[in-house]
Structures are given as C-alpha cells and as structure tokens.
Amino acid sequence: MFDNTLIFCSFNPMQPLFLKAIKVVWKMILGVLVFVALYVTFVFVVPKIPVNRTHVESDSEMVDVYILTNGVHTDIVMPINSRFYDWRPFIDPSDTKSQDPDVRYAAFGWGDKGFYLDTPTWADLKFSTAFKAAFWLGSSAMHVTYHKELKEGDRCRRMQVSKQDFLKMIEYVKSSFRMAETNGPILIGGASYEQYDAFYEGIGTYNLFFTCNTWANDALKSGNQRACLWAARQEDIFSKYE
C-alpha cells in the first residue's frame, strides 16, 4: 500500500503541466472560433453600408463601364478605346492566344497569383494555395479578358461614368499592374484560361480582408460609383446595381 502511494505521488508533478497544456490548447481553439465568428459577421454586415449612393454624374460626356462576374469573382470592364482613353499602348490584345485585334472591351481582375494560375477550377484547389492566399503569403496577378460584345443581365451590369471619374478608375486599375523597367506591365508568359485572356504580374497581396472582390469594389469607389464600404463577395457589389 505504501509503495502504491509513492508511485501515485510521483506522477502528481505532471498533472499541472498537463492541465496547463489543455488550457492553452482550449484558448487557441476558442480564439480561432471567435476570430471566425467576427470575420463572418464582418463579411455579411459591413457590405450593407453603401458608399456613393447619392453621387450623380453631371458631365455631359459619359462612357459605359461594366461589372462582370463569373459567380465568384468580379471584373471591371472598360472599352479598350474610348474618346477618353486608349488602353492599347498599355495592354495589348496580341498578348492573348487569339491575338484578335477586333475586341472592344477589356475586363480587369486582380487576385492571388496562386489561385489564378494553379486553380483553374475549385476541384484544383490545394490547402497550401488557400492558406497562402488567406494569410498574406502569396503574390498577386492581374487578369485581363477581352470581349467583342457584352450582354447585360444578372452577371453583367452597366453604369455611365463621367470622364473625370472614368480616368480615376483607369488610374486605379493601372496602379495594380507591376511594371517592368521599360515601364510596361509584366506579362506572365504562357498563362491563360482560354483564347482571349492574359495574365500580368500584380501589385499587392491577397488576404482575408483584401480579396479579388475587395479590389473590384475599391475600383468602383475610386471612380465615385455605387459600392460597399467594404466587400469580399461579388453578391454584395452587384446588390448595389439591382
């Protein structure tokens, strides 16, 4: 009986360490759960706050700009050549496989380079890619898709923008391209989804609080267009144009 008591007591010093470890793990789990809850609340509540809701375009010269979505990602679409600006000295449709000179619109999107290039479909998504994108560990890319025509609908909305606001949006988009020493965008060679698109090196880092849709929402804000205070989902952006 005396020996058993000694054996039992010899394990007692380990119990406080074990309990401390359990508390640390529990606090970590609780912290993650609280963060997720706050982030989800942030994602669904903050976009309800509108900006530029009462902005009225007063310029007699207007240009059509579009927002376009594939159901997840929002693009800002502009005419390649308008009376206000010609994109062709900056980006070139010949960078695409089609090399079609007759395209009329350029759709601009920004996002995580790993997502863009390594995840053409959700089935291709890897944990490492998602982790890097969520926590500031990846790099970014600009995706330019060319169109000959656009059809307005649930996934494509048109807005009329003044010259001044249009040029502001152009500067915002251009500032997201990483430039070469020759002062031109850096083409990512061999990277495309189809015949009419091209990828370029981007500036900035994708993360939970600055997503592809946050970028598009900020593009609208830069041109005084209707937008959310902050947005991570395309649904929130398009809700301002219903």
Protein backbone atom coordinates (compact mmCIF):
# COMPACT_ATOMS: atom_id res chain seq x y z
CA MET A 1 0.00 0.00 0.00
CA PHE A 2 2.87 2.35 0.89
CA ASP A 3 4.59 1.67 -2.46
CA ASN A 4 1.43 2.39 -4.46
CA THR A 5 1.08 5.75 -2.76
CA LEU A 6 4.63 6.68 -3.68
CA ILE A 7 4.06 5.67 -7.30
CA PHE A 8 0.85 7.72 -7.45
CA CYS A 9 2.52 10.74 -5.92
CA SER A 10 5.41 10.52 -8.33
CA PHE A 11 3.01 11.41 -11.16
CA ASN A 12 1.45 14.41 -9.44
CA PRO A 13 4.03 16.98 -10.72
CA MET A 14 2.97 16.18 -14.28
CA GLN A 15 -0.69 16.96 -13.69
CA PRO A 16 -0.34 20.79 -13.52
CA LEU A 17 1.67 20.76 -16.77
CA PHE A 18 -0.94 18.61 -18.47
CA LEU A 19 -3.75 20.86 -17.27
CA LYS A 20 -1.84 23.96 -18.38
CA ALA A 21 -1.35 22.46 -21.83
CA ILE A 22 -5.07 21.68 -22.06
CA LYS A 23 -5.90 25.29 -21.13
CA VAL A 24 -3.50 26.65 -23.77
CA VAL A 25 -4.99 24.44 -26.47
CA TRP A 26 -8.51 25.36 -25.41
CA LYS A 27 -7.68 29.08 -25.53
CA MET A 28 -6.23 28.67 -29.00
CA ILE A 29 -9.35 26.85 -30.22
CA LEU A 30 -11.58 29.46 -28.61
CA GLY A 31 -9.54 32.26 -30.18
CA VAL A 32 -9.91 30.70 -33.63
CA LEU A 33 -13.66 30.29 -33.15
CA VAL A 34 -14.04 33.90 -32.01
CA PHE A 35 -11.99 35.15 -34.98
CA VAL A 36 -14.08 33.11 -37.44
CA ALA A 37 -17.30 34.39 -35.88
CA LEU A 38 -16.13 38.00 -36.05
CA TYR A 39 -14.89 37.62 -39.62
CA VAL A 40 -18.15 36.07 -40.80
CA THR A 41 -20.05 38.89 -39.12
CA PHE A 42 -17.73 41.40 -40.77
CA VAL A 43 -18.22 39.80 -44.20
CA PHE A 44 -22.00 39.91 -44.02
CA VAL A 45 -22.60 43.17 -42.11
CA VAL A 46 -20.08 45.75 -43.34
CA PRO A 47 -21.04 45.40 -47.05
CA LYS A 48 -24.56 46.53 -46.13
CA ILE A 49 -23.12 50.03 -45.64
CA PRO A 50 -23.26 51.81 -49.03
CA VAL A 51 -20.94 54.50 -50.36
CA ASN A 52 -21.55 57.00 -53.17
CA ARG A 53 -25.22 56.12 -53.09
CA THR A 54 -26.27 59.70 -53.85
CA HIS A 55 -23.49 60.51 -56.32
CA VAL A 56 -24.89 61.99 -59.52
CA GLU A 57 -22.85 62.19 -62.71
CA SER A 58 -23.14 65.71 -64.11
CA ASP A 59 -20.70 65.52 -67.03
CA SER A 60 -22.23 65.82 -70.48
CA GLU A 61 -19.63 63.34 -71.78
CA MET A 62 -20.19 59.87 -70.38
CA VAL A 63 -18.68 56.44 -71.00
CA ASP A 64 -20.09 52.99 -70.27
CA VAL A 65 -18.29 50.85 -67.67
CA TYR A 66 -19.44 47.39 -66.61
CA ILE A 67 -19.08 44.99 -63.73
CA LEU A 68 -18.95 41.34 -64.75
CA THR A 69 -18.96 38.22 -62.58
CA ASN A 70 -18.47 34.50 -63.08
CA GLY A 71 -20.42 33.87 -59.88
CA VAL A 72 -17.42 34.26 -57.57
CA HIS A 73 -15.10 36.92 -58.95
CA THR A 74 -15.89 40.47 -60.11
CA ASP A 75 -14.21 42.11 -63.11
CA ILE A 76 -14.22 45.79 -64.01
CA VAL A 77 -14.88 46.11 -67.75
CA MET A 78 -13.92 49.14 -69.82
CA PRO A 79 -13.86 49.90 -73.55
CA ILE A 80 -10.41 49.32 -74.99
CA ASN A 81 -10.58 52.52 -76.96
CA SER A 82 -12.89 55.36 -75.97
CA ARG A 83 -12.76 59.08 -76.66
CA PHE A 84 -11.26 59.46 -73.19
CA TYR A 85 -8.57 56.77 -73.18
CA ASP A 86 -6.94 54.11 -75.36
CA TRP A 87 -5.72 51.06 -73.41
CA ARG A 88 -3.71 49.56 -76.27
CA PRO A 89 -0.40 51.31 -75.57
CA PHE A 90 -0.59 49.84 -72.05
CA ILE A 91 -2.01 46.34 -72.66
CA ASP A 92 -2.09 44.55 -75.98
CA PRO A 93 -4.70 42.04 -77.22
CA SER A 94 -1.84 40.39 -79.08
CA ASP A 95 -0.70 39.05 -75.69
CA THR A 96 -3.56 36.55 -75.92
CA LYS A 97 -3.63 33.31 -77.88
CA SER A 98 -6.29 34.70 -80.22
CA GLN A 99 -4.36 37.91 -80.97
CA ASP A 100 -7.70 39.25 -82.17
CA PRO A 101 -7.47 42.99 -82.95
CA ASP A 102 -11.26 43.38 -83.15
CA VAL A 103 -12.00 43.00 -79.43
CA ARG A 104 -13.82 46.00 -77.96
CA TYR A 105 -13.71 45.59 -74.18
CA ALA A 106 -11.12 44.65 -71.57
CA ALA A 107 -12.23 43.05 -68.31
CA PHE A 108 -9.79 43.62 -65.47
CA GLY A 109 -9.50 41.41 -62.41
CA TRP A 110 -6.99 41.27 -59.57
CA GLY A 111 -6.31 38.28 -57.35
CA ASP A 112 -3.89 35.86 -55.75
CA LYS A 113 -1.41 34.56 -58.31
CA GLY A 114 -1.54 31.01 -56.95
CA PHE A 115 -5.32 30.94 -57.14
CA TYR A 116 -5.32 32.35 -60.65
CA LEU A 117 -2.64 30.14 -62.16
CA ASP A 118 -2.85 26.92 -60.13
CA THR A 119 -6.61 26.74 -59.53
CA PRO A 120 -8.50 26.94 -62.82
CA THR A 121 -11.42 25.10 -61.13
CA TRP A 122 -12.41 24.59 -57.49
CA ALA A 123 -11.52 20.91 -57.90
CA ASP A 124 -7.90 22.00 -58.34
CA LEU A 125 -7.78 23.96 -55.09
CA LYS A 126 -4.99 22.90 -52.71
CA PHE A 127 -4.84 23.66 -48.99
CA SER A 128 -1.41 25.24 -49.41
CA THR A 129 -2.73 27.63 -52.07
CA ALA A 130 -5.71 28.66 -49.96
CA PHE A 131 -3.57 29.08 -46.82
CA LYS A 132 -1.02 31.28 -48.59
CA ALA A 133 -3.76 33.41 -50.12
CA ALA A 134 -5.63 33.90 -46.85
CA PHE A 135 -2.66 34.92 -44.74
CA TRP A 136 -0.62 37.38 -46.83
CA LEU A 137 1.84 34.71 -48.05
CA GLY A 138 1.28 34.82 -51.80
CA SER A 139 1.79 37.27 -54.63
CA SER A 140 -0.81 38.81 -56.91
CA ALA A 141 -1.64 38.90 -60.60
CA MET A 142 -3.79 40.94 -62.93
CA HIS A 143 -6.10 39.03 -65.26
CA VAL A 144 -7.25 40.74 -68.45
CA THR A 145 -10.01 39.14 -70.53
CA TYR A 146 -11.05 40.62 -73.85
CA HIS A 147 -14.60 40.72 -75.19
CA LYS A 148 -16.16 41.66 -78.51
CA GLU A 149 -19.63 42.13 -77.04
CA LEU A 150 -21.22 42.33 -73.60
CA LYS A 151 -24.76 41.32 -72.74
CA GLU A 152 -26.33 42.98 -69.73
CA GLY A 153 -28.00 40.66 -67.24
CA ASP A 154 -27.70 39.31 -63.71
CA ARG A 155 -23.97 38.81 -64.17
CA CYS A 156 -23.24 41.95 -66.15
CA ARG A 157 -24.26 45.44 -65.06
CA ARG A 158 -23.66 48.72 -66.85
CA MET A 159 -23.05 52.17 -65.40
CA GLN A 160 -22.44 55.50 -67.07
CA VAL A 161 -19.36 57.28 -65.80
CA SER A 162 -18.14 60.82 -66.32
CA LYS A 163 -14.79 61.49 -67.93
CA GLN A 164 -13.25 62.60 -64.64
CA ASP A 165 -14.43 59.53 -62.73
CA PHE A 166 -13.55 57.21 -65.61
CA LEU A 167 -9.96 58.45 -65.64
CA LYS A 168 -9.76 57.92 -61.87
CA MET A 169 -10.85 54.31 -62.31
CA ILE A 170 -8.29 53.83 -65.06
CA GLU A 171 -5.50 55.08 -62.78
CA TYR A 172 -6.65 52.72 -60.04
CA VAL A 173 -6.58 49.73 -62.39
CA LYS A 174 -3.21 50.68 -63.88
CA SER A 175 -1.70 51.05 -60.41
CA SER A 176 -2.38 47.35 -59.75
CA PHE A 177 -0.01 46.19 -62.53
CA ARG A 178 3.61 45.56 -61.62
CA MET A 179 5.68 47.46 -64.12
CA ALA A 180 8.91 46.43 -65.83
CA GLU A 181 11.92 48.70 -66.05
CA THR A 182 10.76 49.58 -69.55
CA ASN A 183 7.62 51.00 -67.89
CA GLY A 184 5.26 48.35 -69.24
CA PRO A 185 3.19 45.65 -67.49
CA ILE A 186 4.98 42.33 -66.94
CA LEU A 187 3.26 39.60 -68.94
CA ILE A 188 3.16 36.13 -67.34
CA GLY A 189 4.09 34.08 -70.37
CA GLY A 190 2.06 31.01 -71.24
CA ALA A 191 -0.62 31.73 -68.63
CA SER A 192 -4.22 31.91 -69.82
CA TYR A 193 -7.54 30.13 -69.41
CA GLU A 194 -8.80 30.40 -72.97
CA GLN A 195 -8.08 32.24 -76.21
CA TYR A 196 -8.96 35.78 -75.15
CA ASP A 197 -7.19 36.37 -71.85
CA ALA A 198 -3.74 37.06 -70.43
CA PHE A 199 -2.11 37.37 -67.01
CA TYR A 200 0.26 40.03 -65.76
CA GLU A 201 2.24 40.44 -62.56
CA GLY A 202 0.27 42.37 -59.97
CA ILE A 203 0.94 44.65 -57.03
CA GLY A 204 -0.37 43.94 -53.55
CA THR A 205 -1.10 40.83 -51.53
CA TYR A 206 -4.36 38.92 -51.37
CA ASN A 207 -5.67 38.18 -47.88
CA LEU A 208 -8.86 37.62 -45.92
CA PHE A 209 -9.51 41.35 -45.79
CA PHE A 210 -8.46 42.25 -49.32
CA THR A 211 -9.86 39.80 -51.84
CA CYS A 212 -10.44 39.95 -55.58
CA ASN A 213 -13.86 41.45 -54.92
CA THR A 214 -12.46 43.97 -52.45
CA TRP A 215 -10.21 45.15 -55.26
CA ALA A 216 -13.16 45.50 -57.66
CA ASN A 217 -15.23 47.29 -55.02
CA ASP A 218 -12.37 49.73 -54.43
CA ALA A 219 -12.13 50.32 -58.18
CA LEU A 220 -15.77 51.46 -58.14
CA LYS A 221 -15.12 53.64 -55.11
CA SER A 222 -12.14 55.26 -56.82
CA GLY A 223 -14.50 56.46 -59.57
CA ASN A 224 -17.24 57.61 -57.17
CA GLN A 225 -19.54 54.79 -58.26
CA ARG A 226 -22.01 52.94 -56.06
CA ALA A 227 -20.18 50.44 -53.90
CA CYS A 228 -19.93 48.89 -50.45
CA LEU A 229 -17.90 50.34 -47.61
CA TRP A 230 -16.01 47.03 -47.87
CA ALA A 231 -16.80 43.83 -49.73
CA ALA A 232 -15.37 40.33 -50.03
CA ARG A 233 -18.17 38.79 -52.13
CA GLN A 234 -19.41 39.60 -55.59
CA GLU A 235 -23.02 39.39 -54.39
CA ASP A 236 -22.55 42.46 -52.24
CA ILE A 237 -21.15 44.51 -55.12
CA PHE A 238 -23.93 43.53 -57.50
CA SER A 239 -26.60 44.25 -54.89
CA LYS A 240 -25.80 47.95 -55.34
CA TYR A 241 -26.80 47.73 -59.01
CA GLU A 242 -30.12 45.94 -58.79
